[in-house]
């Protein structure tokens, strides 16, 4: 066995897993706060990529301005979705919000194809292009720097929600909504905050993924792998999202290298089924997850 090649494949897989972890964190934040299974996470990721394309290419804004503008605009989109689409469903059966997010994903894809067309687009390069060597192993620079950016944002979010008052409110709401109301926490505002932050994290993921492989209206398929990640890790577990992201990224990398790229998705679902047979609530999920 070529151990050097295996090491290179593992590094690439773990780096890709970092992007899955960031997108999965966006999913888990919404689920923990609102108990809404947001199947439109891939389409929100796609929207972030197209907003960056609009600001950077169509409007020719400098990259240092286009990137935060796209992230902030995505946050506004997330808040709008929560206020107009999700909040009216409070108190309804979970399946109602679940199906609404399915429809929301289709609407976002339709809007992208109407506004930008279904053609694939290339995003401007904003990451260093110098080859990355770890020993004798080569790592694609965009994949490496994308993983670094993802790690920075994950760390920032964890720190903010650990020490910021809004983060404490979100964790309290996730633990017990009724108790959060009693102690004076504005729960609807926490719901909105979770959607805003989730959409912003999805936008960062979309910009990174789009810079690596381009953007198109089919980018939402990335959300399928993200869904596998959050189910494997546990729908309500931040730690699970991070660990499962790395696991799925590693499995996909190994499958693509030794079996062929067409087996990547199959390998991830084999992992999913294997984990659920042993732990139906995921690696780190709680046992009392409400089932749809």
C-alpha atoms as a PDB file:
ATOM      1  CA  UNK A   1       0.000   0.000   0.000  1.00  0.00           C
ATOM      2  CA  UNK A   2       1.173   3.507  -0.829  1.00  0.00           C
ATOM      3  CA  UNK A   3       1.027   5.072   2.638  1.00  0.00           C
ATOM      4  CA  UNK A   4       1.998   8.489   1.313  1.00  0.00           C
ATOM      5  CA  UNK A   5      -0.976   8.493  -1.043  1.00  0.00           C
ATOM      6  CA  UNK A   6      -3.271   7.301   1.741  1.00  0.00           C
ATOM      7  CA  UNK A   7      -2.067  10.135   3.965  1.00  0.00           C
ATOM      8  CA  UNK A   8      -2.732  12.645   1.178  1.00  0.00           C
ATOM      9  CA  UNK A   9      -6.227  11.262   0.609  1.00  0.00           C
ATOM     10  CA  UNK A  10      -6.999  11.409   4.327  1.00  0.00           C
ATOM     11  CA  UNK A  11      -5.830  15.019   4.562  1.00  0.00           C
ATOM     12  CA  UNK A  12      -8.013  16.010   1.618  1.00  0.00           C
ATOM     13  CA  UNK A  13     -10.987  14.158   3.082  1.00  0.00           C
ATOM     14  CA  UNK A  14     -10.609  15.802   6.495  1.00  0.00           C
ATOM     15  CA  UNK A  15     -10.284  19.227   4.877  1.00  0.00           C
ATOM     16  CA  UNK A  16     -13.477  18.632   2.925  1.00  0.00           C
ATOM     17  CA  UNK A  17     -15.088  17.391   6.108  1.00  0.00           C
ATOM     18  CA  UNK A  18     -14.411  20.784   7.666  1.00  0.00           C
ATOM     19  CA  UNK A  19     -16.754  22.344   5.098  1.00  0.00           C
ATOM     20  CA  UNK A  20     -19.406  19.747   5.914  1.00  0.00           C
ATOM     21  CA  UNK A  21     -18.980  20.540   9.603  1.00  0.00           C
ATOM     22  CA  UNK A  22     -19.539  24.268   9.033  1.00  0.00           C
ATOM     23  CA  UNK A  23     -22.715  23.677   7.016  1.00  0.00           C
ATOM     24  CA  UNK A  24     -23.895  21.071   9.548  1.00  0.00           C
ATOM     25  CA  UNK A  25     -23.382  23.588  12.349  1.00  0.00           C
ATOM     26  CA  UNK A  26     -25.730  25.942  10.484  1.00  0.00           C
ATOM     27  CA  UNK A  27     -28.331  23.159  10.400  1.00  0.00           C
ATOM     28  CA  UNK A  28     -27.944  22.226  14.071  1.00  0.00           C
ATOM     29  CA  UNK A  29     -28.290  25.832  15.292  1.00  0.00           C
ATOM     30  CA  UNK A  30     -31.765  26.067  13.779  1.00  0.00           C
ATOM     31  CA  UNK A  31     -32.808  22.630  14.993  1.00  0.00           C
ATOM     32  CA  UNK A  32     -31.585  23.178  18.553  1.00  0.00           C
ATOM     33  CA  UNK A  33     -33.430  26.485  18.891  1.00  0.00           C
ATOM     34  CA  UNK A  34     -36.633  25.821  16.956  1.00  0.00           C
ATOM     35  CA  UNK A  35     -36.871  22.033  16.446  1.00  0.00           C
ATOM     36  CA  UNK A  36     -37.290  22.716  12.713  1.00  0.00           C
ATOM     37  CA  UNK A  37     -35.566  20.266  10.358  1.00  0.00           C
ATOM     38  CA  UNK A  38     -34.368  22.685   7.684  1.00  0.00           C
ATOM     39  CA  UNK A  39     -34.018  20.671   4.488  1.00  0.00           C
ATOM     40  CA  UNK A  40     -33.343  23.899   2.571  1.00  0.00           C
ATOM     41  CA  UNK A  41     -29.849  24.252   4.085  1.00  0.00           C
ATOM     42  CA  UNK A  42     -28.238  23.337   0.758  1.00  0.00           C
ATOM     43  CA  UNK A  43     -30.292  25.963  -1.060  1.00  0.00           C
ATOM     44  CA  UNK A  44     -29.352  28.622   1.507  1.00  0.00           C
ATOM     45  CA  UNK A  45     -25.740  27.673   0.866  1.00  0.00           C
ATOM     46  CA  UNK A  46     -26.403  28.097  -2.860  1.00  0.00           C
ATOM     47  CA  UNK A  47     -28.020  31.500  -2.275  1.00  0.00           C
ATOM     48  CA  UNK A  48     -24.903  32.700  -0.437  1.00  0.00           C
ATOM     49  CA  UNK A  49     -22.739  31.720  -3.392  1.00  0.00           C
ATOM     50  CA  UNK A  50     -24.963  33.558  -5.856  1.00  0.00           C
ATOM     51  CA  UNK A  51     -25.142  36.668  -3.692  1.00  0.00           C
ATOM     52  CA  UNK A  52     -21.339  36.742  -3.615  1.00  0.00           C
ATOM     53  CA  UNK A  53     -21.318  36.331  -7.411  1.00  0.00           C
ATOM     54  CA  UNK A  54     -23.728  39.256  -7.717  1.00  0.00           C
ATOM     55  CA  UNK A  55     -21.724  41.595  -5.517  1.00  0.00           C
ATOM     56  CA  UNK A  56     -18.267  40.589  -6.769  1.00  0.00           C
ATOM     57  CA  UNK A  57     -18.875  39.973 -10.478  1.00  0.00           C
ATOM     58  CA  UNK A  58     -22.087  41.659 -11.552  1.00  0.00           C
ATOM     59  CA  UNK A  59     -21.692  44.737  -9.350  1.00  0.00           C
ATOM     60  CA  UNK A  60     -17.870  44.661  -9.409  1.00  0.00           C
ATOM     61  CA  UNK A  61     -17.483  45.369  -5.699  1.00  0.00           C
ATOM     62  CA  UNK A  62     -14.022  44.709  -4.208  1.00  0.00           C
ATOM     63  CA  UNK A  63     -13.746  41.247  -2.653  1.00  0.00           C
ATOM     64  CA  UNK A  64     -13.183  42.598   0.858  1.00  0.00           C
ATOM     65  CA  UNK A  65     -16.614  44.221   0.581  1.00  0.00           C
ATOM     66  CA  UNK A  66     -18.432  41.626  -1.556  1.00  0.00           C
ATOM     67  CA  UNK A  67     -17.827  38.737   0.844  1.00  0.00           C
ATOM     68  CA  UNK A  68     -19.242  40.353   4.015  1.00  0.00           C
ATOM     69  CA  UNK A  69     -22.061  41.894   1.948  1.00  0.00           C
ATOM     70  CA  UNK A  70     -23.058  38.440   0.698  1.00  0.00           C
ATOM     71  CA  UNK A  71     -22.911  36.979   4.210  1.00  0.00           C
ATOM     72  CA  UNK A  72     -24.984  39.820   5.690  1.00  0.00           C
ATOM     73  CA  UNK A  73     -27.521  39.637   2.857  1.00  0.00           C
ATOM     74  CA  UNK A  74     -27.844  35.910   3.486  1.00  0.00           C
ATOM     75  CA  UNK A  75     -28.448  36.618   7.167  1.00  0.00           C
ATOM     76  CA  UNK A  76     -31.241  39.014   6.198  1.00  0.00           C
ATOM     77  CA  UNK A  77     -32.705  36.314   3.943  1.00  0.00           C
ATOM     78  CA  UNK A  78     -32.625  33.853   6.829  1.00  0.00           C
ATOM     79  CA  UNK A  79     -34.387  36.324   9.123  1.00  0.00           C
ATOM     80  CA  UNK A  80     -37.005  37.004   6.458  1.00  0.00           C
ATOM     81  CA  UNK A  81     -37.666  33.304   5.987  1.00  0.00           C
ATOM     82  CA  UNK A  82     -38.071  32.792   9.724  1.00  0.00           C
ATOM     83  CA  UNK A  83     -40.433  35.751  10.121  1.00  0.00           C
ATOM     84  CA  UNK A  84     -42.654  35.130   7.093  1.00  0.00           C
ATOM     85  CA  UNK A  85     -42.557  31.360   6.642  1.00  0.00           C
ATOM     86  CA  UNK A  86     -41.479  29.588   9.841  1.00  0.00           C
ATOM     87  CA  UNK A  87     -42.931  31.702  12.667  1.00  0.00           C
ATOM     88  CA  UNK A  88     -46.569  31.314  11.536  1.00  0.00           C
ATOM     89  CA  UNK A  89     -46.084  27.570  11.990  1.00  0.00           C
ATOM     90  CA  UNK A  90     -45.184  27.774  15.680  1.00  0.00           C
ATOM     91  CA  UNK A  91     -47.298  25.279  17.574  1.00  0.00           C
ATOM     92  CA  UNK A  92     -48.090  23.266  14.449  1.00  0.00           C
ATOM     93  CA  UNK A  93     -46.979  19.625  14.022  1.00  0.00           C
ATOM     94  CA  UNK A  94     -43.255  19.308  13.142  1.00  0.00           C
ATOM     95  CA  UNK A  95     -44.112  17.794   9.757  1.00  0.00           C
ATOM     96  CA  UNK A  96     -45.641  21.123   8.697  1.00  0.00           C
ATOM     97  CA  UNK A  97     -42.400  23.082   9.058  1.00  0.00           C
ATOM     98  CA  UNK A  98     -40.476  20.131   7.608  1.00  0.00           C
ATOM     99  CA  UNK A  99     -42.528  20.192   4.401  1.00  0.00           C
ATOM    100  CA  UNK A 100     -42.351  23.976   4.210  1.00  0.00           C
ATOM    101  CA  UNK A 101     -38.546  23.813   4.141  1.00  0.00           C
ATOM    102  CA  UNK A 102     -38.781  21.270   1.291  1.00  0.00           C
ATOM    103  CA  UNK A 103     -40.895  23.731  -0.670  1.00  0.00           C
ATOM    104  CA  UNK A 104     -38.617  26.592   0.317  1.00  0.00           C
ATOM    105  CA  UNK A 105     -35.656  24.790  -1.226  1.00  0.00           C
ATOM    106  CA  UNK A 106     -37.521  24.411  -4.526  1.00  0.00           C
ATOM    107  CA  UNK A 107     -38.506  28.088  -4.472  1.00  0.00           C
ATOM    108  CA  UNK A 108     -34.909  29.188  -3.935  1.00  0.00           C
ATOM    109  CA  UNK A 109     -33.726  26.998  -6.825  1.00  0.00           C
ATOM    110  CA  UNK A 110     -36.433  28.468  -9.054  1.00  0.00           C
ATOM    111  CA  UNK A 111     -35.499  32.030  -8.110  1.00  0.00           C
ATOM    112  CA  UNK A 112     -31.816  31.345  -8.835  1.00  0.00           C
ATOM    113  CA  UNK A 113     -32.635  29.963 -12.275  1.00  0.00           C
ATOM    114  CA  UNK A 114     -34.917  32.900 -13.060  1.00  0.00           C
ATOM    115  CA  UNK A 115     -32.477  35.582 -11.898  1.00  0.00           C
ATOM    116  CA  UNK A 116     -29.092  34.057 -12.777  1.00  0.00           C
ATOM    117  CA  UNK A 117     -30.070  31.172 -15.137  1.00  0.00           C
ATOM    118  CA  UNK A 118     -29.175  27.511 -14.615  1.00  0.00           C
ATOM    119  CA  UNK A 119     -25.703  27.883 -16.146  1.00  0.00           C
ATOM    120  CA  UNK A 120     -22.699  27.151 -13.974  1.00  0.00           C
ATOM    121  CA  UNK A 121     -20.792  30.247 -12.841  1.00  0.00           C
ATOM    122  CA  UNK A 122     -17.256  30.708 -11.643  1.00  0.00           C
ATOM    123  CA  UNK A 123     -16.543  32.774  -8.536  1.00  0.00           C
ATOM    124  CA  UNK A 124     -13.562  35.127  -8.276  1.00  0.00           C
ATOM    125  CA  UNK A 125     -10.487  33.653  -6.619  1.00  0.00           C
ATOM    126  CA  UNK A 126      -9.911  35.079  -3.161  1.00  0.00           C
ATOM    127  CA  UNK A 127      -7.800  32.347  -1.548  1.00  0.00           C
ATOM    128  CA  UNK A 128      -4.018  31.859  -1.962  1.00  0.00           C
ATOM    129  CA  UNK A 129      -3.072  29.574  -4.854  1.00  0.00           C
ATOM    130  CA  UNK A 130       0.345  28.446  -3.628  1.00  0.00           C
ATOM    131  CA  UNK A 131       0.482  24.613  -3.362  1.00  0.00           C
ATOM    132  CA  UNK A 132       0.235  23.263   0.187  1.00  0.00           C
ATOM    133  CA  UNK A 133       2.643  20.504   1.163  1.00  0.00           C
ATOM    134  CA  UNK A 134       2.340  18.525   4.395  1.00  0.00           C
ATOM    135  CA  UNK A 135       5.494  16.444   4.362  1.00  0.00           C
ATOM    136  CA  UNK A 136       5.382  14.763   0.966  1.00  0.00           C
ATOM    137  CA  UNK A 137       1.594  15.025   0.715  1.00  0.00           C
ATOM    138  CA  UNK A 138       0.017  17.606  -1.588  1.00  0.00           C
ATOM    139  CA  UNK A 139      -3.166  19.390  -0.568  1.00  0.00           C
ATOM    140  CA  UNK A 140      -5.109  21.547  -3.030  1.00  0.00           C
ATOM    141  CA  UNK A 141      -4.726  25.160  -1.826  1.00  0.00           C
ATOM    142  CA  UNK A 142      -8.429  26.024  -2.131  1.00  0.00           C
ATOM    143  CA  UNK A 143      -9.417  22.939  -0.157  1.00  0.00           C
ATOM    144  CA  UNK A 144      -6.815  23.689   2.516  1.00  0.00           C
ATOM    145  CA  UNK A 145      -7.684  27.367   2.920  1.00  0.00           C
ATOM    146  CA  UNK A 146     -11.381  26.587   2.731  1.00  0.00           C
ATOM    147  CA  UNK A 147     -10.952  24.210   5.659  1.00  0.00           C
ATOM    148  CA  UNK A 148      -8.971  26.853   7.566  1.00  0.00           C
ATOM    149  CA  UNK A 149     -11.722  29.440   7.021  1.00  0.00           C
ATOM    150  CA  UNK A 150     -14.350  26.913   8.086  1.00  0.00           C
ATOM    151  CA  UNK A 151     -12.394  26.093  11.256  1.00  0.00           C
ATOM    152  CA  UNK A 152     -12.057  29.800  12.113  1.00  0.00           C
ATOM    153  CA  UNK A 153     -15.796  30.399  11.710  1.00  0.00           C
ATOM    154  CA  UNK A 154     -16.691  27.289  13.692  1.00  0.00           C
ATOM    155  CA  UNK A 155     -14.429  28.384  16.539  1.00  0.00           C
ATOM    156  CA  UNK A 156     -15.824  31.927  16.425  1.00  0.00           C
ATOM    157  CA  UNK A 157     -19.422  30.711  16.563  1.00  0.00           C
ATOM    158  CA  UNK A 158     -18.716  28.361  19.460  1.00  0.00           C
ATOM    159  CA  UNK A 159     -16.995  31.138  21.428  1.00  0.00           C
ATOM    160  CA  UNK A 160     -19.712  33.688  20.696  1.00  0.00           C
ATOM    161  CA  UNK A 161     -22.517  31.362  21.694  1.00  0.00           C
ATOM    162  CA  UNK A 162     -20.602  30.295  24.785  1.00  0.00           C
ATOM    163  CA  UNK A 163     -20.053  33.776  26.195  1.00  0.00           C
ATOM    164  CA  UNK A 164     -22.409  36.190  24.390  1.00  0.00           C
ATOM    165  CA  UNK A 165     -25.761  36.904  26.024  1.00  0.00           C
ATOM    166  CA  UNK A 166     -27.620  35.981  22.838  1.00  0.00           C
ATOM    167  CA  UNK A 167     -25.801  32.678  22.729  1.00  0.00           C
ATOM    168  CA  UNK A 168     -26.764  31.932  26.315  1.00  0.00           C
ATOM    169  CA  UNK A 169     -30.386  32.726  25.445  1.00  0.00           C
ATOM    170  CA  UNK A 170     -30.219  30.372  22.471  1.00  0.00           C
ATOM    171  CA  UNK A 171     -28.825  27.548  24.594  1.00  0.00           C
ATOM    172  CA  UNK A 172     -31.475  28.159  27.245  1.00  0.00           C
ATOM    173  CA  UNK A 173     -34.236  28.103  24.622  1.00  0.00           C
ATOM    174  CA  UNK A 174     -32.827  24.912  23.131  1.00  0.00           C
ATOM    175  CA  UNK A 175     -32.918  23.260  26.561  1.00  0.00           C
ATOM    176  CA  UNK A 176     -36.463  24.270  27.543  1.00  0.00           C
ATOM    177  CA  UNK A 177     -38.574  26.808  25.642  1.00  0.00           C
ATOM    178  CA  UNK A 178     -41.195  27.101  28.385  1.00  0.00           C
ATOM    179  CA  UNK A 179     -38.570  27.788  31.034  1.00  0.00           C
ATOM    180  CA  UNK A 180     -36.917  30.336  28.749  1.00  0.00           C
ATOM    181  CA  UNK A 181     -40.235  32.206  28.484  1.00  0.00           C
ATOM    182  CA  UNK A 182     -40.611  32.166  32.269  1.00  0.00           C
ATOM    183  CA  UNK A 183     -37.202  33.763  32.898  1.00  0.00           C
ATOM    184  CA  UNK A 184     -37.936  36.543  30.408  1.00  0.00           C
ATOM    185  CA  UNK A 185     -36.123  35.369  27.278  1.00  0.00           C
ATOM    186  CA  UNK A 186     -37.698  36.609  24.060  1.00  0.00           C
ATOM    187  CA  UNK A 187     -38.057  33.188  22.430  1.00  0.00           C
ATOM    188  CA  UNK A 188     -39.328  34.402  19.010  1.00  0.00           C
ATOM    189  CA  UNK A 189     -36.303  36.692  18.817  1.00  0.00           C
ATOM    190  CA  UNK A 190     -34.050  33.736  19.602  1.00  0.00           C
ATOM    191  CA  UNK A 191     -35.745  31.785  16.795  1.00  0.00           C
ATOM    192  CA  UNK A 192     -35.012  34.648  14.414  1.00  0.00           C
ATOM    193  CA  UNK A 193     -31.409  34.891  15.629  1.00  0.00           C
ATOM    194  CA  UNK A 194     -30.840  31.190  14.992  1.00  0.00           C
ATOM    195  CA  UNK A 195     -32.092  31.492  11.401  1.00  0.00           C
ATOM    196  CA  UNK A 196     -30.007  34.598  10.741  1.00  0.00           C
ATOM    197  CA  UNK A 197     -26.798  33.022  12.042  1.00  0.00           C
ATOM    198  CA  UNK A 198     -27.556  29.738  10.285  1.00  0.00           C
ATOM    199  CA  UNK A 199     -28.054  31.480   6.936  1.00  0.00           C
ATOM    200  CA  UNK A 200     -24.832  33.443   7.398  1.00  0.00           C
ATOM    201  CA  UNK A 201     -22.850  30.268   8.124  1.00  0.00           C
ATOM    202  CA  UNK A 202     -24.472  28.587   5.122  1.00  0.00           C
ATOM    203  CA  UNK A 203     -23.420  31.567   2.991  1.00  0.00           C
ATOM    204  CA  UNK A 204     -19.805  31.219   4.119  1.00  0.00           C
ATOM    205  CA  UNK A 205     -19.965  27.529   3.198  1.00  0.00           C
ATOM    206  CA  UNK A 206     -21.520  28.374  -0.156  1.00  0.00           C
ATOM    207  CA  UNK A 207     -18.830  30.914  -0.981  1.00  0.00           C
ATOM    208  CA  UNK A 208     -16.057  28.437  -0.129  1.00  0.00           C
ATOM    209  CA  UNK A 209     -17.666  25.512  -1.961  1.00  0.00           C
ATOM    210  CA  UNK A 210     -18.443  27.746  -4.932  1.00  0.00           C
ATOM    211  CA  UNK A 211     -14.888  29.032  -5.104  1.00  0.00           C
ATOM    212  CA  UNK A 212     -13.654  25.435  -5.313  1.00  0.00           C
ATOM    213  CA  UNK A 213     -16.090  23.975  -7.832  1.00  0.00           C
ATOM    214  CA  UNK A 214     -18.176  26.856  -9.145  1.00  0.00           C
ATOM    215  CA  UNK A 215     -21.818  27.641  -8.435  1.00  0.00           C
ATOM    216  CA  UNK A 216     -24.968  26.376 -10.112  1.00  0.00           C
ATOM    217  CA  UNK A 217     -28.627  25.842  -9.320  1.00  0.00           C
ATOM    218  CA  UNK A 218     -27.808  22.227  -8.403  1.00  0.00           C
ATOM    219  CA  UNK A 219     -25.573  23.240  -5.497  1.00  0.00           C
ATOM    220  CA  UNK A 220     -28.356  22.286  -3.128  1.00  0.00           C
ATOM    221  CA  UNK A 221     -27.312  18.652  -3.601  1.00  0.00           C
ATOM    222  CA  UNK A 222     -24.466  19.506  -1.212  1.00  0.00           C
ATOM    223  CA  UNK A 223     -27.193  19.760   1.411  1.00  0.00           C
ATOM    224  CA  UNK A 224     -27.869  16.032   1.052  1.00  0.00           C
ATOM    225  CA  UNK A 225     -24.391  15.228   2.354  1.00  0.00           C
ATOM    226  CA  UNK A 226     -24.868  17.835   5.090  1.00  0.00           C
ATOM    227  CA  UNK A 227     -28.099  16.109   6.118  1.00  0.00           C
ATOM    228  CA  UNK A 228     -26.219  12.819   6.359  1.00  0.00           C
ATOM    229  CA  UNK A 229     -23.640  14.548   8.563  1.00  0.00           C
ATOM    230  CA  UNK A 230     -26.189  15.948  11.015  1.00  0.00           C
ATOM    231  CA  UNK A 231     -28.089  12.651  11.255  1.00  0.00           C
ATOM    232  CA  UNK A 232     -24.877  10.732  11.875  1.00  0.00           C
ATOM    233  CA  UNK A 233     -23.741  13.235  14.501  1.00  0.00           C
ATOM    234  CA  UNK A 234     -27.165  13.741  16.085  1.00  0.00           C
ATOM    235  CA  UNK A 235     -29.670  16.377  14.998  1.00  0.00           C
ATOM    236  CA  UNK A 236     -29.300  18.408  18.182  1.00  0.00           C
ATOM    237  CA  UNK A 237     -25.560  18.007  18.794  1.00  0.00           C
ATOM    238  CA  UNK A 238     -23.015  20.672  17.874  1.00  0.00           C
ATOM    239  CA  UNK A 239     -20.170  18.303  18.752  1.00  0.00           C
ATOM    240  CA  UNK A 240     -21.821  15.629  16.642  1.00  0.00           C
ATOM    241  CA  UNK A 241     -21.971  17.976  13.640  1.00  0.00           C
ATOM    242  CA  UNK A 242     -18.253  18.674  13.893  1.00  0.00           C
ATOM    243  CA  UNK A 243     -17.163  15.065  14.419  1.00  0.00           C
ATOM    244  CA  UNK A 244     -19.541  13.618  11.827  1.00  0.00           C
ATOM    245  CA  UNK A 245     -18.433  16.242   9.284  1.00  0.00           C
ATOM    246  CA  UNK A 246     -14.860  15.023   9.550  1.00  0.00           C
ATOM    247  CA  UNK A 247     -15.944  11.370   9.425  1.00  0.00           C
ATOM    248  CA  UNK A 248     -18.106  11.821   6.327  1.00  0.00           C
ATOM    249  CA  UNK A 249     -15.425  13.911   4.614  1.00  0.00           C
ATOM    250  CA  UNK A 250     -12.832  11.222   5.319  1.00  0.00           C
ATOM    251  CA  UNK A 251     -15.104   8.413   4.109  1.00  0.00           C
ATOM    252  CA  UNK A 252     -15.935  10.308   0.915  1.00  0.00           C
ATOM    253  CA  UNK A 253     -12.254  10.990   0.260  1.00  0.00           C
ATOM    254  CA  UNK A 254     -11.308   7.336   0.700  1.00  0.00           C
ATOM    255  CA  UNK A 255     -14.235   6.119  -1.412  1.00  0.00           C
ATOM    256  CA  UNK A 256     -13.434   8.529  -4.238  1.00  0.00           C
ATOM    257  CA  UNK A 257      -9.735   7.600  -4.214  1.00  0.00           C
ATOM    258  CA  UNK A 258     -10.040   3.817  -4.025  1.00  0.00           C
ATOM    259  CA  UNK A 259     -13.492   3.052  -5.470  1.00  0.00           C
ATOM    260  CA  UNK A 260     -14.242   5.991  -7.769  1.00  0.00           C
ATOM    261  CA  UNK A 261     -16.052   9.304  -7.435  1.00  0.00           C
ATOM    262  CA  UNK A 262     -19.417   7.723  -8.237  1.00  0.00           C
ATOM    263  CA  UNK A 263     -19.237   5.760  -4.976  1.00  0.00           C
ATOM    264  CA  UNK A 264     -18.816   8.775  -2.680  1.00  0.00           C
ATOM    265  CA  UNK A 265     -22.495   9.204  -1.912  1.00  0.00           C
ATOM    266  CA  UNK A 266     -23.001   5.465  -1.572  1.00  0.00           C
ATOM    267  CA  UNK A 267     -20.204   5.297   0.989  1.00  0.00           C
ATOM    268  CA  UNK A 268     -21.721   8.097   3.075  1.00  0.00           C
ATOM    269  CA  UNK A 269     -25.099   6.349   3.170  1.00  0.00           C
ATOM    270  CA  UNK A 270     -23.442   3.097   4.187  1.00  0.00           C
ATOM    271  CA  UNK A 271     -21.935   5.027   7.117  1.00  0.00           C
ATOM    272  CA  UNK A 272     -25.337   6.570   7.873  1.00  0.00           C
ATOM    273  CA  UNK A 273     -27.163   3.237   7.958  1.00  0.00           C
ATOM    274  CA  UNK A 274     -24.401   1.592   9.994  1.00  0.00           C
ATOM    275  CA  UNK A 275     -24.469   4.346  12.637  1.00  0.00           C
ATOM    276  CA  UNK A 276     -28.265   4.437  12.871  1.00  0.00           C
ATOM    277  CA  UNK A 277     -28.446   0.669  13.347  1.00  0.00           C
ATOM    278  CA  UNK A 278     -26.291   1.033  16.469  1.00  0.00           C
ATOM    279  CA  UNK A 279     -27.342   4.490  17.667  1.00  0.00           C
ATOM    280  CA  UNK A 280     -30.693   5.551  16.142  1.00  0.00           C
ATOM    281  CA  UNK A 281     -30.307   9.068  17.586  1.00  0.00           C
ATOM    282  CA  UNK A 282     -26.817   9.614  16.111  1.00  0.00           C
ATOM    283  CA  UNK A 283     -23.377   9.571  17.663  1.00  0.00           C
ATOM    284  CA  UNK A 284     -24.011  12.403  20.117  1.00  0.00           C
ATOM    285  CA  UNK A 285     -27.741  13.083  19.743  1.00  0.00           C
ATOM    286  CA  UNK A 286     -30.136  12.901  22.686  1.00  0.00           C
ATOM    287  CA  UNK A 287     -32.480   9.953  22.971  1.00  0.00           C
ATOM    288  CA  UNK A 288     -35.644  12.053  23.133  1.00  0.00           C
ATOM    289  CA  UNK A 289     -35.381  13.554  19.630  1.00  0.00           C
ATOM    290  CA  UNK A 290     -38.886  14.024  18.285  1.00  0.00           C
ATOM    291  CA  UNK A 291     -39.412  11.894  15.198  1.00  0.00           C
ATOM    292  CA  UNK A 292     -41.301  13.147  12.179  1.00  0.00           C
END
